[in-house]
Amino acid sequence: MGIRGSLWEFKRSYKTQYSWPKLNLSCSGPKLKIDDLERLPFDISDEHAAFLLWKNGGEPENNWYTRKGQSLQIRWFYGIGSEHDLRDAILEHRDVLPRFSVPVARVESYDHDVSLLLTFPFDGRKGFREPTKGREKKIWFHWIFEDNLPEDSKLDDVVLAAHSLTALMNALKPEPPNRYKRFDGCDDSGDDEDFD
């Protein structure tokens, strides 16, 4: 398993293909090599792999993300061998993660609900390791329900958050907007709330 795409193509182009913003991350994990990612017991997307080689997770200084008037606060990006380990997150949330998803970050909404940002490196419903027509490049928002965990988390429980990991990181801000709504993808999520 490991890196989802062609390993040869990834090695040849990952340093030039992804343009990362200037982003300060504290508590990042140790420097990784491509071989470390290839040994993972699950698939990760090429962009996620490139991010882990660049920073290996951590807590961002600029941690507010807003899309279409809805905001969330990124607490940390998961890394490998870091304080916030990706493998531990998969084990911790295995009962609520949609099938074939991989957590990228832990987030909080304005009312401190804990949720995850996910990628889907491949979709097993369409055959083993078959491409997902661009879905693996996108970042998806998924609520974690602490009470009454659903027996089977469905793909309907995810909402598009960003078109790519680099797009998400480029949009991070140090402060929340003055007024914003919870990030749940619902039109009827209520009126804008003032941030104190």
Protein backbone atom coordinates (compact mmCIF):
# COMPACT_ATOMS: atom_id res chain seq x y z
CA MET A 1 0.00 0.00 0.00
CA GLY A 2 1.42 3.42 0.85
CA ILE A 3 1.47 6.13 -1.80
CA ARG A 4 -1.63 5.82 -3.97
CA GLY A 5 -0.23 6.81 -7.37
CA SER A 6 2.75 5.63 -9.38
CA LEU A 7 5.72 5.56 -7.02
CA TRP A 8 8.15 6.30 -9.85
CA GLU A 9 6.13 9.33 -11.01
CA PHE A 10 5.81 10.53 -7.44
CA LYS A 11 9.55 10.34 -6.75
CA ARG A 12 10.28 12.17 -10.00
CA SER A 13 7.88 15.08 -9.56
CA TYR A 14 6.60 15.58 -6.00
CA LYS A 15 9.09 18.36 -5.17
CA THR A 16 8.05 20.45 -8.18
CA GLN A 17 4.41 19.43 -8.54
CA TYR A 18 3.18 20.83 -5.23
CA SER A 19 3.74 24.44 -4.23
CA TRP A 20 3.36 24.76 -0.47
CA PRO A 21 2.68 28.12 1.19
CA LYS A 22 4.80 29.63 3.93
CA LEU A 23 3.23 27.95 6.91
CA ASN A 24 4.57 27.64 10.44
CA LEU A 25 3.77 24.28 12.03
CA SER A 26 4.80 23.39 15.57
CA CYS A 27 5.00 19.83 16.96
CA SER A 28 5.78 18.31 13.55
CA GLY A 29 6.97 14.75 13.40
CA PRO A 30 10.45 13.56 12.38
CA LYS A 31 11.71 14.03 8.82
CA LEU A 32 10.30 11.26 6.63
CA LYS A 33 11.57 9.44 3.57
CA ILE A 34 9.47 8.07 0.74
CA ASP A 35 10.18 4.53 1.97
CA ASP A 36 8.53 5.42 5.31
CA LEU A 37 5.32 6.29 3.48
CA GLU A 38 5.45 3.21 1.26
CA ARG A 39 5.42 1.02 4.38
CA LEU A 40 2.12 2.45 5.66
CA PRO A 41 -0.62 -0.20 5.97
CA PHE A 42 -3.12 2.04 4.12
CA ASP A 43 -3.15 4.17 0.97
CA ILE A 44 -2.54 7.92 1.01
CA SER A 45 -2.90 10.33 -1.90
CA ASP A 46 0.15 11.75 -3.68
CA GLU A 47 -0.55 15.24 -2.35
CA HIS A 48 -0.94 13.98 1.22
CA ALA A 49 2.33 12.06 0.85
CA ALA A 50 4.09 15.19 -0.44
CA PHE A 51 2.76 17.16 2.53
CA LEU A 52 4.04 14.56 5.01
CA LEU A 53 7.47 14.69 3.37
CA TRP A 54 7.39 18.51 3.52
CA LYS A 55 6.21 19.03 7.13
CA ASN A 56 4.99 15.70 8.59
CA GLY A 57 1.99 17.17 10.34
CA GLY A 58 1.90 19.68 13.16
CA GLU A 59 -0.12 22.49 14.66
CA PRO A 60 -0.49 25.44 12.26
CA GLU A 61 0.04 29.01 13.41
CA ASN A 62 -2.54 30.19 10.85
CA ASN A 63 -5.35 27.78 11.64
CA TRP A 64 -8.67 29.32 10.50
CA TYR A 65 -10.25 28.14 7.26
CA THR A 66 -13.39 29.68 5.74
CA ARG A 67 -15.33 28.51 2.71
CA LYS A 68 -18.61 30.00 1.54
CA GLY A 69 -19.10 31.84 4.83
CA GLN A 70 -18.58 28.75 6.99
CA SER A 71 -15.50 28.45 9.18
CA LEU A 72 -13.54 25.89 11.12
CA GLN A 73 -10.38 25.91 13.18
CA ILE A 74 -7.67 23.38 12.40
CA ARG A 75 -6.16 22.07 15.62
CA TRP A 76 -3.47 19.95 13.97
CA PHE A 77 -2.48 18.08 10.85
CA TYR A 78 -1.73 14.43 11.44
CA GLY A 79 1.82 13.19 10.91
CA ILE A 80 3.73 9.91 11.10
CA GLY A 81 5.62 9.35 14.35
CA SER A 82 4.47 12.74 15.61
CA GLU A 83 2.56 13.80 18.72
CA HIS A 84 -0.63 13.59 16.61
CA ASP A 85 0.03 10.34 14.75
CA LEU A 86 -2.05 9.50 11.69
CA ARG A 87 -2.02 5.77 12.47
CA ASP A 88 -3.35 6.43 15.98
CA ALA A 89 -6.11 8.65 14.56
CA ILE A 90 -7.26 5.90 12.21
CA LEU A 91 -7.42 3.43 15.11
CA GLU A 92 -9.13 5.92 17.43
CA HIS A 93 -11.83 6.88 14.94
CA ARG A 94 -12.18 3.59 13.03
CA ASP A 95 -15.83 3.24 14.08
CA VAL A 96 -16.84 6.60 12.60
CA LEU A 97 -14.53 6.99 9.60
CA PRO A 98 -16.14 6.46 6.20
CA ARG A 99 -14.68 3.42 4.50
CA PHE A 100 -11.39 4.00 2.64
CA SER A 101 -10.94 7.49 4.12
CA VAL A 102 -7.72 8.81 5.66
CA PRO A 103 -7.71 11.69 8.20
CA VAL A 104 -5.59 14.70 7.24
CA ALA A 105 -6.41 17.06 10.12
CA ARG A 106 -8.45 17.44 13.30
CA VAL A 107 -10.67 20.51 13.37
CA GLU A 108 -13.13 22.30 15.61
CA SER A 109 -16.18 24.26 14.58
CA TYR A 110 -17.18 27.51 16.28
CA ASP A 111 -19.07 25.62 19.00
CA HIS A 112 -16.07 23.32 19.64
CA ASP A 113 -17.48 20.22 17.96
CA VAL A 114 -14.55 17.99 17.05
CA SER A 115 -14.41 16.76 13.46
CA LEU A 116 -11.95 15.57 10.83
CA LEU A 117 -10.74 16.57 7.40
CA LEU A 118 -10.37 13.50 5.17
CA THR A 119 -9.09 12.28 1.84
CA PHE A 120 -10.28 9.22 -0.09
CA PRO A 121 -7.19 7.76 -1.82
CA PHE A 122 -9.31 5.12 -3.55
CA ASP A 123 -12.87 3.89 -3.59
CA GLY A 124 -13.19 0.17 -2.94
CA ARG A 125 -16.81 0.15 -4.12
CA LYS A 126 -15.59 0.48 -7.70
CA GLY A 127 -12.94 -2.20 -7.50
CA PHE A 128 -9.66 -2.58 -5.68
CA ARG A 129 -7.46 0.53 -5.98
CA GLU A 130 -9.51 1.93 -8.85
CA PRO A 131 -9.22 5.71 -9.29
CA THR A 132 -12.00 7.87 -7.87
CA LYS A 133 -12.18 10.42 -10.70
CA GLY A 134 -10.53 13.26 -8.79
CA ARG A 135 -12.15 12.66 -5.42
CA GLU A 136 -8.81 11.63 -3.92
CA LYS A 137 -7.43 15.13 -4.55
CA LYS A 138 -10.18 16.82 -2.56
CA ILE A 139 -10.42 17.44 1.18
CA TRP A 140 -13.66 16.38 2.85
CA PHE A 141 -15.18 17.47 6.16
CA HIS A 142 -16.65 14.76 8.42
CA TRP A 143 -18.38 15.16 11.79
CA ILE A 144 -17.41 12.84 14.64
CA PHE A 145 -20.50 11.91 16.61
CA GLU A 146 -19.46 11.02 20.14
CA ASP A 147 -22.91 9.77 21.19
CA ASN A 148 -24.80 7.01 19.42
CA LEU A 149 -22.10 6.18 16.93
CA PRO A 150 -23.62 5.07 13.64
CA GLU A 151 -23.17 1.42 12.80
CA ASP A 152 -21.87 2.33 9.36
CA SER A 153 -20.56 5.79 8.48
CA LYS A 154 -21.70 6.56 4.99
CA LEU A 155 -20.16 8.73 2.31
CA ASP A 156 -23.24 10.96 2.56
CA ASP A 157 -21.85 12.15 5.91
CA VAL A 158 -18.98 14.05 4.27
CA VAL A 159 -19.01 17.58 2.86
CA LEU A 160 -16.51 19.07 0.41
CA ALA A 161 -14.15 21.39 2.31
CA ALA A 162 -11.43 22.20 -0.27
CA HIS A 163 -10.44 21.15 -3.77
CA SER A 164 -6.95 20.16 -2.62
CA LEU A 165 -4.67 20.15 0.40
CA THR A 166 -2.58 22.98 -1.05
CA ALA A 167 -5.74 25.05 -1.66
CA LEU A 168 -6.75 24.50 1.97
CA MET A 169 -3.33 25.55 3.27
CA ASN A 170 -3.18 28.60 1.02
CA ALA A 171 -6.51 29.78 2.48
CA LEU A 172 -5.53 29.47 6.17
CA LYS A 173 -5.79 32.70 8.17
CA PRO A 174 -4.50 33.64 11.66
CA GLU A 175 -7.89 34.98 12.84
CA PRO A 176 -11.48 33.87 12.35
CA PRO A 177 -13.82 36.13 10.39
CA ASN A 178 -15.88 38.56 12.49
CA ARG A 179 -19.07 36.66 11.69
CA TYR A 180 -19.36 33.08 10.55
CA LYS A 181 -21.47 29.94 10.59
CA ARG A 182 -20.63 26.42 11.68
CA PHE A 183 -19.03 24.34 8.95
CA ASP A 184 -21.54 21.60 8.24
CA GLY A 185 -22.50 22.15 4.63
CA CYS A 186 -26.15 22.81 5.49
CA ASP A 187 -28.04 25.83 4.21
CA ASP A 188 -30.28 25.81 7.27
CA SER A 189 -27.47 25.86 9.84
CA GLY A 190 -28.85 29.03 11.35
CA ASP A 191 -28.01 32.71 11.25
CA ASP A 192 -24.46 33.96 11.45
CA GLU A 193 -23.08 33.91 14.95
CA ASP A 194 -20.89 36.60 16.48
CA PHE A 195 -17.44 35.47 17.50
CA ASP A 196 -16.46 36.56 21.00
